[in-house]
Amino acid sequence: MRNVLMALAAAALVAAAFFLPEQLSLLEDQQLLDRPNIVQQEEREGFAESMQLQVAEKLLLMRSATVSRMELGDGVVQGFYDMGTQETTLLTATYEESANEQKVGAAWLKTATDEELERFSQEQKALWEGRLAEVRRELRTLQGMGGLPALWSADSQLEFIGLGDLLYMDTASQMSFQVYRMSLNGAPYSINLTVDIQSGRILAFQLDWDGGMDLDWGFRGAAGFGGAWRDYWGMDSVKSDWYGDYNRSILEETCSTTQINGDYTAHGQISFTYDSQSIPVSLECWAMEKEIKLGSLMWNLLQGRSAGALPA
């Protein structure tokens, strides 16, 4: 009899091990559906960065044929930053819906109280103020390394716009990572950035400017550009001939070339290696010479130039 009871107890434990987690999971899912709420930023980051990919690995993933992008829908913040006083003025913080109609946040918005909406607005402002400080630091780092030209003067006032996040997910490997996008504007420059949330590294940019002048890279020109991005992204190497005449003209002579050829577009690339894999990164420019003199430099934009759009 004792053996029979022990056998029944063991069978019950085995059954519980198989079926109880599933039941608990179903119960938890039902509770989430019954009490919709917005997924918090920290939870998103924990999911997106579960594999703790290196920056170079994320750049590889962006080029995968099986990668997909998902607009997460998040707060949109506008404001100003005074480079002289280093003061930030945040003007607005609103919520924009994701293209995904099943987003739980939509239900929350319809039932949120004024206090909850105000708290959400303040949280978004704090989030983007921190991101603005992060972006300023990364821009200074890249300029010091030679990865960006001189931009604004020390007393410039910049308008910034922070937009929602993107999730990159590879359907084959299930690896994923999350980025945010930001625009900084102050005459004569406007730069649109894609930034890796986990590392804070800038992954892509589109730099637009007016006035018909070439970019100011300093006395060495753009000779440090390839090496700067190799080190910044943690690549193993950059192809030795990256600073040939064609790429050099894209970086240094975008506007002056229009004086010879008129409106000008060029598509180049710089190849890096990481873990024995080649990572070609697009380098493009665009310039208009006629009534309105404009120039644009695009780095790692996977879908080319899109007027007014942030890099993908």
C-alpha atoms as a PDB file:
ATOM      1  CA  MET A   1       0.000   0.000   0.000  1.00  0.00           C
ATOM      2  CA  ARG A   2       2.813   2.372   0.928  1.00  0.00           C
ATOM      3  CA  ASN A   3       4.463   1.764  -2.457  1.00  0.00           C
ATOM      4  CA  VAL A   4       1.171   2.485  -4.268  1.00  0.00           C
ATOM      5  CA  LEU A   5       0.748   5.806  -2.417  1.00  0.00           C
ATOM      6  CA  MET A   6       4.300   6.796  -3.188  1.00  0.00           C
ATOM      7  CA  ALA A   7       3.798   5.974  -6.862  1.00  0.00           C
ATOM      8  CA  LEU A   8       0.581   8.070  -6.972  1.00  0.00           C
ATOM      9  CA  ALA A   9       2.350  10.985  -5.284  1.00  0.00           C
ATOM     10  CA  ALA A  10       5.213  10.830  -7.771  1.00  0.00           C
ATOM     11  CA  ALA A  11       2.757  10.772 -10.670  1.00  0.00           C
ATOM     12  CA  ALA A  12       0.979  13.820  -9.269  1.00  0.00           C
ATOM     13  CA  LEU A  13       4.250  15.744  -9.012  1.00  0.00           C
ATOM     14  CA  VAL A  14       5.180  14.881 -12.598  1.00  0.00           C
ATOM     15  CA  ALA A  15       1.767  16.028 -13.824  1.00  0.00           C
ATOM     16  CA  ALA A  16       2.081  19.281 -11.923  1.00  0.00           C
ATOM     17  CA  ALA A  17       5.516  19.907 -13.389  1.00  0.00           C
ATOM     18  CA  PHE A  18       4.101  19.602 -16.912  1.00  0.00           C
ATOM     19  CA  PHE A  19       0.715  21.292 -16.607  1.00  0.00           C
ATOM     20  CA  LEU A  20       0.850  23.776 -13.718  1.00  0.00           C
ATOM     21  CA  PRO A  21       3.273  26.277 -15.369  1.00  0.00           C
ATOM     22  CA  GLU A  22       1.029  26.353 -18.433  1.00  0.00           C
ATOM     23  CA  GLN A  23      -2.065  27.028 -16.345  1.00  0.00           C
ATOM     24  CA  LEU A  24      -0.305  29.746 -14.378  1.00  0.00           C
ATOM     25  CA  SER A  25       0.860  31.335 -17.623  1.00  0.00           C
ATOM     26  CA  LEU A  26      -2.686  31.297 -19.022  1.00  0.00           C
ATOM     27  CA  LEU A  27      -3.976  32.846 -15.818  1.00  0.00           C
ATOM     28  CA  GLU A  28      -1.356  35.598 -15.953  1.00  0.00           C
ATOM     29  CA  ASP A  29      -2.152  36.311 -19.622  1.00  0.00           C
ATOM     30  CA  GLN A  30      -5.835  36.635 -18.786  1.00  0.00           C
ATOM     31  CA  GLN A  31      -5.055  39.037 -15.959  1.00  0.00           C
ATOM     32  CA  LEU A  32      -2.993  41.198 -18.307  1.00  0.00           C
ATOM     33  CA  LEU A  33      -5.887  41.333 -20.757  1.00  0.00           C
ATOM     34  CA  ASP A  34      -8.277  42.239 -17.976  1.00  0.00           C
ATOM     35  CA  ARG A  35      -6.018  45.047 -16.720  1.00  0.00           C
ATOM     36  CA  PRO A  36      -4.413  46.708 -19.798  1.00  0.00           C
ATOM     37  CA  ASN A  37      -1.432  48.948 -19.134  1.00  0.00           C
ATOM     38  CA  ILE A  38       1.443  50.509 -21.044  1.00  0.00           C
ATOM     39  CA  VAL A  39       4.579  48.395 -21.222  1.00  0.00           C
ATOM     40  CA  GLN A  40       7.228  50.249 -19.227  1.00  0.00           C
ATOM     41  CA  GLN A  41      10.491  51.333 -20.821  1.00  0.00           C
ATOM     42  CA  GLU A  42      12.605  49.128 -18.564  1.00  0.00           C
ATOM     43  CA  GLU A  43      10.540  46.063 -19.452  1.00  0.00           C
ATOM     44  CA  ARG A  44      10.906  46.796 -23.144  1.00  0.00           C
ATOM     45  CA  GLU A  45      14.634  47.173 -22.844  1.00  0.00           C
ATOM     46  CA  GLY A  46      14.937  43.949 -20.875  1.00  0.00           C
ATOM     47  CA  PHE A  47      13.119  42.058 -23.628  1.00  0.00           C
ATOM     48  CA  ALA A  48      14.920  43.732 -26.533  1.00  0.00           C
ATOM     49  CA  GLU A  49      18.358  43.362 -24.981  1.00  0.00           C
ATOM     50  CA  SER A  50      17.925  39.838 -23.631  1.00  0.00           C
ATOM     51  CA  MET A  51      20.884  38.615 -25.692  1.00  0.00           C
ATOM     52  CA  GLN A  52      23.131  41.622 -24.833  1.00  0.00           C
ATOM     53  CA  LEU A  53      24.327  41.950 -28.412  1.00  0.00           C
ATOM     54  CA  GLN A  54      27.454  43.948 -29.190  1.00  0.00           C
ATOM     55  CA  VAL A  55      26.982  47.101 -31.287  1.00  0.00           C
ATOM     56  CA  ALA A  56      28.732  45.483 -34.258  1.00  0.00           C
ATOM     57  CA  GLU A  57      26.375  42.499 -33.991  1.00  0.00           C
ATOM     58  CA  LYS A  58      23.389  44.840 -34.069  1.00  0.00           C
ATOM     59  CA  LEU A  59      24.723  46.445 -37.236  1.00  0.00           C
ATOM     60  CA  LEU A  60      24.971  42.978 -38.769  1.00  0.00           C
ATOM     61  CA  LEU A  61      21.445  42.194 -37.639  1.00  0.00           C
ATOM     62  CA  MET A  62      20.081  45.362 -39.267  1.00  0.00           C
ATOM     63  CA  ARG A  63      21.190  43.967 -42.632  1.00  0.00           C
ATOM     64  CA  SER A  64      19.726  40.505 -42.157  1.00  0.00           C
ATOM     65  CA  ALA A  65      17.199  39.418 -44.772  1.00  0.00           C
ATOM     66  CA  THR A  66      15.012  38.040 -41.977  1.00  0.00           C
ATOM     67  CA  VAL A  67      14.988  41.140 -39.766  1.00  0.00           C
ATOM     68  CA  SER A  68      11.776  43.088 -39.230  1.00  0.00           C
ATOM     69  CA  ARG A  69      11.131  46.495 -37.681  1.00  0.00           C
ATOM     70  CA  MET A  70       8.280  47.312 -35.336  1.00  0.00           C
ATOM     71  CA  GLU A  71       7.151  50.821 -34.418  1.00  0.00           C
ATOM     72  CA  LEU A  72       6.541  50.666 -30.686  1.00  0.00           C
ATOM     73  CA  GLY A  73       4.681  53.952 -30.487  1.00  0.00           C
ATOM     74  CA  ASP A  74       5.869  56.216 -27.713  1.00  0.00           C
ATOM     75  CA  GLY A  75       5.992  59.748 -26.430  1.00  0.00           C
ATOM     76  CA  VAL A  76       6.877  62.599 -28.790  1.00  0.00           C
ATOM     77  CA  VAL A  77       8.762  65.401 -27.063  1.00  0.00           C
ATOM     78  CA  GLN A  78       9.795  68.791 -28.405  1.00  0.00           C
ATOM     79  CA  GLY A  79      11.934  71.432 -26.798  1.00  0.00           C
ATOM     80  CA  PHE A  80      15.040  73.574 -26.923  1.00  0.00           C
ATOM     81  CA  TYR A  81      18.590  73.222 -25.674  1.00  0.00           C
ATOM     82  CA  ASP A  82      20.793  76.256 -25.122  1.00  0.00           C
ATOM     83  CA  MET A  83      24.428  75.229 -25.646  1.00  0.00           C
ATOM     84  CA  GLY A  84      25.673  78.374 -23.908  1.00  0.00           C
ATOM     85  CA  THR A  85      23.749  77.951 -20.657  1.00  0.00           C
ATOM     86  CA  GLN A  86      23.314  74.164 -21.066  1.00  0.00           C
ATOM     87  CA  GLU A  87      19.651  74.593 -20.149  1.00  0.00           C
ATOM     88  CA  THR A  88      16.928  72.375 -21.568  1.00  0.00           C
ATOM     89  CA  THR A  89      13.386  73.638 -22.123  1.00  0.00           C
ATOM     90  CA  LEU A  90      10.852  70.863 -22.735  1.00  0.00           C
ATOM     91  CA  LEU A  91       7.704  72.118 -24.419  1.00  0.00           C
ATOM     92  CA  THR A  92       5.411  69.224 -25.217  1.00  0.00           C
ATOM     93  CA  ALA A  93       5.104  65.521 -24.540  1.00  0.00           C
ATOM     94  CA  THR A  94       2.309  63.614 -26.248  1.00  0.00           C
ATOM     95  CA  TYR A  95       1.496  59.982 -26.902  1.00  0.00           C
ATOM     96  CA  GLU A  96       1.412  58.589 -30.434  1.00  0.00           C
ATOM     97  CA  GLU A  97      -0.132  55.265 -31.279  1.00  0.00           C
ATOM     98  CA  SER A  98       1.858  52.461 -32.780  1.00  0.00           C
ATOM     99  CA  ALA A  99       0.898  51.081 -36.194  1.00  0.00           C
ATOM    100  CA  ASN A 100       0.117  47.883 -34.319  1.00  0.00           C
ATOM    101  CA  GLU A 101      -3.636  48.047 -33.622  1.00  0.00           C
ATOM    102  CA  GLN A 102      -3.354  45.452 -30.860  1.00  0.00           C
ATOM    103  CA  LYS A 103      -1.119  47.668 -28.735  1.00  0.00           C
ATOM    104  CA  VAL A 104      -2.402  47.508 -25.154  1.00  0.00           C
ATOM    105  CA  GLY A 105      -1.611  51.197 -24.614  1.00  0.00           C
ATOM    106  CA  ALA A 106      -4.585  52.217 -26.764  1.00  0.00           C
ATOM    107  CA  ALA A 107      -7.027  50.833 -24.208  1.00  0.00           C
ATOM    108  CA  TRP A 108      -5.140  52.532 -21.377  1.00  0.00           C
ATOM    109  CA  LEU A 109      -5.350  55.941 -23.045  1.00  0.00           C
ATOM    110  CA  LYS A 110      -9.138  55.780 -23.264  1.00  0.00           C
ATOM    111  CA  THR A 111      -9.544  55.121 -19.555  1.00  0.00           C
ATOM    112  CA  ALA A 112      -6.597  57.057 -18.072  1.00  0.00           C
ATOM    113  CA  THR A 113      -7.363  59.843 -15.632  1.00  0.00           C
ATOM    114  CA  ASP A 114      -5.996  63.374 -16.008  1.00  0.00           C
ATOM    115  CA  GLU A 115      -3.502  62.635 -13.234  1.00  0.00           C
ATOM    116  CA  GLU A 116      -2.284  59.481 -15.004  1.00  0.00           C
ATOM    117  CA  LEU A 117      -1.895  61.314 -18.291  1.00  0.00           C
ATOM    118  CA  GLU A 118       0.028  64.128 -16.607  1.00  0.00           C
ATOM    119  CA  ARG A 119       2.292  61.605 -14.884  1.00  0.00           C
ATOM    120  CA  PHE A 120       2.900  59.883 -18.205  1.00  0.00           C
ATOM    121  CA  SER A 121       3.747  63.237 -19.804  1.00  0.00           C
ATOM    122  CA  GLN A 122       6.273  64.028 -17.065  1.00  0.00           C
ATOM    123  CA  GLU A 123       7.838  60.578 -17.381  1.00  0.00           C
ATOM    124  CA  GLN A 124       8.270  61.096 -21.115  1.00  0.00           C
ATOM    125  CA  LYS A 125       9.867  64.481 -20.577  1.00  0.00           C
ATOM    126  CA  ALA A 126      12.335  63.019 -18.084  1.00  0.00           C
ATOM    127  CA  LEU A 127      13.114  60.131 -20.436  1.00  0.00           C
ATOM    128  CA  TRP A 128      13.866  62.360 -23.414  1.00  0.00           C
ATOM    129  CA  GLU A 129      15.790  64.882 -21.367  1.00  0.00           C
ATOM    130  CA  GLY A 130      18.118  62.034 -20.370  1.00  0.00           C
ATOM    131  CA  ARG A 131      18.343  60.894 -23.974  1.00  0.00           C
ATOM    132  CA  LEU A 132      19.187  64.422 -25.116  1.00  0.00           C
ATOM    133  CA  ALA A 133      22.082  64.540 -22.645  1.00  0.00           C
ATOM    134  CA  GLU A 134      23.212  61.137 -23.939  1.00  0.00           C
ATOM    135  CA  VAL A 135      23.100  62.271 -27.571  1.00  0.00           C
ATOM    136  CA  ARG A 136      25.059  65.447 -26.812  1.00  0.00           C
ATOM    137  CA  ARG A 137      27.763  63.326 -25.168  1.00  0.00           C
ATOM    138  CA  GLU A 138      27.945  60.914 -28.111  1.00  0.00           C
ATOM    139  CA  LEU A 139      28.149  63.753 -30.646  1.00  0.00           C
ATOM    140  CA  ARG A 140      31.044  65.339 -28.740  1.00  0.00           C
ATOM    141  CA  THR A 141      32.811  61.974 -28.578  1.00  0.00           C
ATOM    142  CA  LEU A 142      32.468  61.399 -32.311  1.00  0.00           C
ATOM    143  CA  GLN A 143      33.632  64.905 -33.160  1.00  0.00           C
ATOM    144  CA  GLY A 144      36.698  64.417 -30.976  1.00  0.00           C
ATOM    145  CA  MET A 145      37.458  61.131 -32.742  1.00  0.00           C
ATOM    146  CA  GLY A 146      36.972  62.557 -36.264  1.00  0.00           C
ATOM    147  CA  GLY A 147      33.691  60.775 -36.949  1.00  0.00           C
ATOM    148  CA  LEU A 148      31.671  63.983 -37.356  1.00  0.00           C
ATOM    149  CA  PRO A 149      32.449  67.487 -38.684  1.00  0.00           C
ATOM    150  CA  ALA A 150      32.200  70.688 -36.656  1.00  0.00           C
ATOM    151  CA  LEU A 151      28.564  71.646 -36.213  1.00  0.00           C
ATOM    152  CA  TRP A 152      27.108  74.347 -33.980  1.00  0.00           C
ATOM    153  CA  SER A 153      28.889  77.137 -32.137  1.00  0.00           C
ATOM    154  CA  ALA A 154      29.194  77.092 -28.358  1.00  0.00           C
ATOM    155  CA  ASP A 155      26.300  79.538 -27.875  1.00  0.00           C
ATOM    156  CA  SER A 156      23.814  77.955 -30.307  1.00  0.00           C
ATOM    157  CA  GLN A 157      20.235  77.191 -29.355  1.00  0.00           C
ATOM    158  CA  LEU A 158      18.983  73.873 -30.723  1.00  0.00           C
ATOM    159  CA  GLU A 159      15.478  72.611 -31.249  1.00  0.00           C
ATOM    160  CA  PHE A 160      15.125  68.906 -30.612  1.00  0.00           C
ATOM    161  CA  ILE A 161      12.397  66.404 -31.376  1.00  0.00           C
ATOM    162  CA  GLY A 162      12.334  62.993 -29.741  1.00  0.00           C
ATOM    163  CA  LEU A 163      10.267  60.335 -31.495  1.00  0.00           C
ATOM    164  CA  GLY A 164       9.162  56.856 -30.542  1.00  0.00           C
ATOM    165  CA  ASP A 165      11.249  53.700 -30.415  1.00  0.00           C
ATOM    166  CA  LEU A 166      11.832  50.969 -32.974  1.00  0.00           C
ATOM    167  CA  LEU A 167      12.327  47.289 -32.249  1.00  0.00           C
ATOM    168  CA  TYR A 168      14.506  45.292 -34.639  1.00  0.00           C
ATOM    169  CA  MET A 169      13.842  41.549 -34.449  1.00  0.00           C
ATOM    170  CA  ASP A 170      15.377  38.770 -36.507  1.00  0.00           C
ATOM    171  CA  THR A 171      12.699  36.148 -37.129  1.00  0.00           C
ATOM    172  CA  ALA A 172      15.273  33.429 -37.773  1.00  0.00           C
ATOM    173  CA  SER A 173      17.405  33.803 -34.642  1.00  0.00           C
ATOM    174  CA  GLN A 174      14.832  35.595 -32.428  1.00  0.00           C
ATOM    175  CA  MET A 175      17.528  38.103 -31.492  1.00  0.00           C
ATOM    176  CA  SER A 176      16.384  41.695 -31.112  1.00  0.00           C
ATOM    177  CA  PHE A 177      17.385  45.166 -30.066  1.00  0.00           C
ATOM    178  CA  GLN A 178      15.723  48.529 -29.618  1.00  0.00           C
ATOM    179  CA  VAL A 179      16.598  52.033 -30.853  1.00  0.00           C
ATOM    180  CA  TYR A 180      15.210  55.516 -30.472  1.00  0.00           C
ATOM    181  CA  ARG A 181      15.254  58.408 -32.946  1.00  0.00           C
ATOM    182  CA  MET A 182      15.993  62.059 -32.351  1.00  0.00           C
ATOM    183  CA  SER A 183      16.322  65.200 -34.437  1.00  0.00           C
ATOM    184  CA  LEU A 184      18.484  68.225 -33.522  1.00  0.00           C
ATOM    185  CA  ASN A 185      18.034  71.459 -35.469  1.00  0.00           C
ATOM    186  CA  GLY A 186      19.986  74.701 -35.325  1.00  0.00           C
ATOM    187  CA  ALA A 187      20.927  76.782 -38.374  1.00  0.00           C
ATOM    188  CA  PRO A 188      22.628  75.882 -40.570  1.00  0.00           C
ATOM    189  CA  TYR A 189      22.571  72.213 -39.504  1.00  0.00           C
ATOM    190  CA  SER A 190      19.950  69.576 -38.840  1.00  0.00           C
ATOM    191  CA  ILE A 191      20.896  66.045 -37.818  1.00  0.00           C
ATOM    192  CA  ASN A 192      18.565  63.065 -37.514  1.00  0.00           C
ATOM    193  CA  LEU A 193      19.888  60.194 -35.422  1.00  0.00           C
ATOM    194  CA  THR A 194      19.173  56.544 -34.734  1.00  0.00           C
ATOM    195  CA  VAL A 195      20.535  55.555 -31.316  1.00  0.00           C
ATOM    196  CA  ASP A 196      20.956  52.109 -29.759  1.00  0.00           C
ATOM    197  CA  ILE A 197      19.111  52.165 -26.431  1.00  0.00           C
ATOM    198  CA  GLN A 198      21.283  49.620 -24.619  1.00  0.00           C
ATOM    199  CA  SER A 199      24.697  51.129 -25.418  1.00  0.00           C
ATOM    200  CA  GLY A 200      23.772  54.734 -26.242  1.00  0.00           C
ATOM    201  CA  ARG A 201      25.795  54.449 -29.463  1.00  0.00           C
ATOM    202  CA  ILE A 202      24.662  56.297 -32.586  1.00  0.00           C
ATOM    203  CA  LEU A 203      23.947  53.742 -35.325  1.00  0.00           C
ATOM    204  CA  ALA A 204      22.970  56.030 -38.214  1.00  0.00           C
ATOM    205  CA  PHE A 205      22.565  59.675 -39.074  1.00  0.00           C
ATOM    206  CA  GLN A 206      21.393  62.082 -41.747  1.00  0.00           C
ATOM    207  CA  LEU A 207      23.073  65.481 -41.591  1.00  0.00           C
ATOM    208  CA  ASP A 208      21.463  68.298 -43.598  1.00  0.00           C
ATOM    209  CA  TRP A 209      22.774  71.839 -43.941  1.00  0.00           C
ATOM    210  CA  ASP A 210      22.296  74.984 -46.015  1.00  0.00           C
ATOM    211  CA  GLY A 211      24.444  77.850 -47.193  1.00  0.00           C
ATOM    212  CA  GLY A 212      26.313  76.072 -49.984  1.00  0.00           C
ATOM    213  CA  MET A 213      29.506  75.463 -47.983  1.00  0.00           C
ATOM    214  CA  ASP A 214      31.328  72.165 -47.514  1.00  0.00           C
ATOM    215  CA  LEU A 215      31.480  70.514 -44.104  1.00  0.00           C
ATOM    216  CA  ASP A 216      34.252  71.583 -41.732  1.00  0.00           C
ATOM    217  CA  TRP A 217      36.354  68.541 -40.782  1.00  0.00           C
ATOM    218  CA  GLY A 218      39.366  70.451 -39.503  1.00  0.00           C
ATOM    219  CA  PHE A 219      42.909  70.542 -40.884  1.00  0.00           C
ATOM    220  CA  ARG A 220      43.077  66.751 -41.445  1.00  0.00           C
ATOM    221  CA  GLY A 221      39.865  66.705 -43.406  1.00  0.00           C
ATOM    222  CA  ALA A 222      37.764  63.562 -42.964  1.00  0.00           C
ATOM    223  CA  ALA A 223      40.824  61.279 -42.833  1.00  0.00           C
ATOM    224  CA  GLY A 224      39.823  59.995 -39.384  1.00  0.00           C
ATOM    225  CA  PHE A 225      36.211  59.155 -40.275  1.00  0.00           C
ATOM    226  CA  GLY A 226      36.630  55.433 -41.010  1.00  0.00           C
ATOM    227  CA  GLY A 227      38.884  54.737 -38.039  1.00  0.00           C
ATOM    228  CA  ALA A 228      36.644  56.726 -35.722  1.00  0.00           C
ATOM    229  CA  TRP A 229      33.557  54.669 -36.538  1.00  0.00           C
ATOM    230  CA  ARG A 230      35.572  51.433 -36.397  1.00  0.00           C
ATOM    231  CA  ASP A 231      36.558  52.201 -32.820  1.00  0.00           C
ATOM    232  CA  TYR A 232      33.209  53.726 -31.861  1.00  0.00           C
ATOM    233  CA  TRP A 233      31.269  50.659 -32.997  1.00  0.00           C
ATOM    234  CA  GLY A 234      33.835  48.145 -31.745  1.00  0.00           C
ATOM    235  CA  MET A 235      34.688  46.732 -35.180  1.00  0.00           C
ATOM    236  CA  ASP A 236      37.805  44.662 -35.754  1.00  0.00           C
ATOM    237  CA  SER A 237      39.023  46.638 -38.777  1.00  0.00           C
ATOM    238  CA  VAL A 238      38.062  49.041 -41.572  1.00  0.00           C
ATOM    239  CA  LYS A 239      39.036  48.444 -45.191  1.00  0.00           C
ATOM    240  CA  SER A 240      42.305  50.223 -45.869  1.00  0.00           C
ATOM    241  CA  ASP A 241      41.162  51.964 -49.064  1.00  0.00           C
ATOM    242  CA  TRP A 242      38.047  53.512 -47.511  1.00  0.00           C
ATOM    243  CA  TYR A 243      39.455  57.062 -47.905  1.00  0.00           C
ATOM    244  CA  GLY A 244      39.710  56.947 -51.677  1.00  0.00           C
ATOM    245  CA  ASP A 245      38.841  59.904 -53.884  1.00  0.00           C
ATOM    246  CA  TYR A 246      35.183  58.928 -54.198  1.00  0.00           C
ATOM    247  CA  ASN A 247      34.412  58.631 -50.475  1.00  0.00           C
ATOM    248  CA  ARG A 248      36.589  61.635 -49.699  1.00  0.00           C
ATOM    249  CA  SER A 249      34.564  63.789 -52.109  1.00  0.00           C
ATOM    250  CA  ILE A 250      31.317  62.632 -50.458  1.00  0.00           C
ATOM    251  CA  LEU A 251      32.583  63.650 -47.035  1.00  0.00           C
ATOM    252  CA  GLU A 252      34.516  66.801 -47.880  1.00  0.00           C
ATOM    253  CA  GLU A 253      33.314  68.222 -51.219  1.00  0.00           C
ATOM    254  CA  THR A 254      29.559  67.642 -51.428  1.00  0.00           C
ATOM    255  CA  CYS A 255      28.657  71.274 -52.065  1.00  0.00           C
ATOM    256  CA  SER A 256      31.728  72.410 -54.026  1.00  0.00           C
ATOM    257  CA  THR A 257      31.150  69.547 -56.484  1.00  0.00           C
ATOM    258  CA  THR A 258      27.795  71.094 -57.405  1.00  0.00           C
ATOM    259  CA  GLN A 259      29.622  74.153 -58.755  1.00  0.00           C
ATOM    260  CA  ILE A 260      31.047  71.865 -61.447  1.00  0.00           C
ATOM    261  CA  ASN A 261      28.324  69.255 -61.941  1.00  0.00           C
ATOM    262  CA  GLY A 262      25.154  70.999 -60.749  1.00  0.00           C
ATOM    263  CA  ASP A 263      22.833  69.055 -58.451  1.00  0.00           C
ATOM    264  CA  TYR A 264      24.800  66.116 -57.121  1.00  0.00           C
ATOM    265  CA  THR A 265      24.132  62.689 -55.661  1.00  0.00           C
ATOM    266  CA  ALA A 266      26.710  60.035 -54.773  1.00  0.00           C
ATOM    267  CA  HIS A 267      26.429  56.564 -53.230  1.00  0.00           C
ATOM    268  CA  GLY A 268      29.476  55.009 -51.614  1.00  0.00           C
ATOM    269  CA  GLN A 269      30.242  52.647 -48.760  1.00  0.00           C
ATOM    270  CA  ILE A 270      32.874  51.837 -46.162  1.00  0.00           C
ATOM    271  CA  SER A 271      33.502  48.189 -45.327  1.00  0.00           C
ATOM    272  CA  PHE A 272      34.291  46.999 -41.803  1.00  0.00           C
ATOM    273  CA  THR A 273      35.016  43.532 -40.465  1.00  0.00           C
ATOM    274  CA  TYR A 274      33.796  42.009 -37.233  1.00  0.00           C
ATOM    275  CA  ASP A 275      34.356  38.416 -36.143  1.00  0.00           C
ATOM    276  CA  SER A 276      35.542  37.548 -39.693  1.00  0.00           C
ATOM    277  CA  GLN A 277      32.339  38.961 -41.196  1.00  0.00           C
ATOM    278  CA  SER A 278      32.212  41.908 -43.597  1.00  0.00           C
ATOM    279  CA  ILE A 279      29.876  44.785 -42.726  1.00  0.00           C
ATOM    280  CA  PRO A 280      29.472  47.294 -45.594  1.00  0.00           C
ATOM    281  CA  VAL A 281      28.021  50.602 -44.385  1.00  0.00           C
ATOM    282  CA  SER A 282      26.421  53.034 -46.823  1.00  0.00           C
ATOM    283  CA  LEU A 283      27.865  56.538 -47.209  1.00  0.00           C
ATOM    284  CA  GLU A 284      25.818  58.888 -49.369  1.00  0.00           C
ATOM    285  CA  CYS A 285      25.460  62.563 -50.145  1.00  0.00           C
ATOM    286  CA  TRP A 286      23.045  64.842 -51.900  1.00  0.00           C
ATOM    287  CA  ALA A 287      23.360  68.521 -52.806  1.00  0.00           C
ATOM    288  CA  MET A 288      21.353  71.205 -54.593  1.00  0.00           C
ATOM    289  CA  GLU A 289      23.187  74.110 -56.185  1.00  0.00           C
ATOM    290  CA  LYS A 290      20.486  76.376 -57.647  1.00  0.00           C
ATOM    291  CA  GLU A 291      18.130  78.785 -55.864  1.00  0.00           C
ATOM    292  CA  ILE A 292      18.317  77.054 -52.482  1.00  0.00           C
ATOM    293  CA  LYS A 293      21.743  75.690 -51.640  1.00  0.00           C
ATOM    294  CA  LEU A 294      21.384  72.529 -49.584  1.00  0.00           C
ATOM    295  CA  GLY A 295      23.607  69.607 -48.684  1.00  0.00           C
ATOM    296  CA  SER A 296      22.974  66.236 -47.053  1.00  0.00           C
ATOM    297  CA  LEU A 297      25.315  63.524 -45.746  1.00  0.00           C
ATOM    298  CA  MET A 298      23.840  60.114 -44.931  1.00  0.00           C
ATOM    299  CA  TRP A 299      25.603  57.393 -42.936  1.00  0.00           C
ATOM    300  CA  ASN A 300      24.249  53.857 -42.594  1.00  0.00           C
ATOM    301  CA  LEU A 301      20.798  54.726 -43.926  1.00  0.00           C
ATOM    302  CA  LEU A 302      19.473  51.408 -45.188  1.00  0.00           C
ATOM    303  CA  GLN A 303      16.732  52.913 -47.343  1.00  0.00           C
ATOM    304  CA  GLY A 304      18.457  55.984 -48.752  1.00  0.00           C
ATOM    305  CA  ARG A 305      17.455  59.604 -48.346  1.00  0.00           C
ATOM    306  CA  SER A 306      13.924  60.476 -47.385  1.00  0.00           C
ATOM    307  CA  ALA A 307      13.248  64.184 -47.044  1.00  0.00           C
ATOM    308  CA  GLY A 308      12.091  65.032 -43.561  1.00  0.00           C
ATOM    309  CA  ALA A 309      12.386  61.452 -42.341  1.00  0.00           C
ATOM    310  CA  LEU A 310      14.524  60.087 -39.561  1.00  0.00           C
ATOM    311  CA  PRO A 311      17.117  57.399 -40.353  1.00  0.00           C
ATOM    312  CA  ALA A 312      15.900  53.835 -40.170  1.00  0.00           C
END
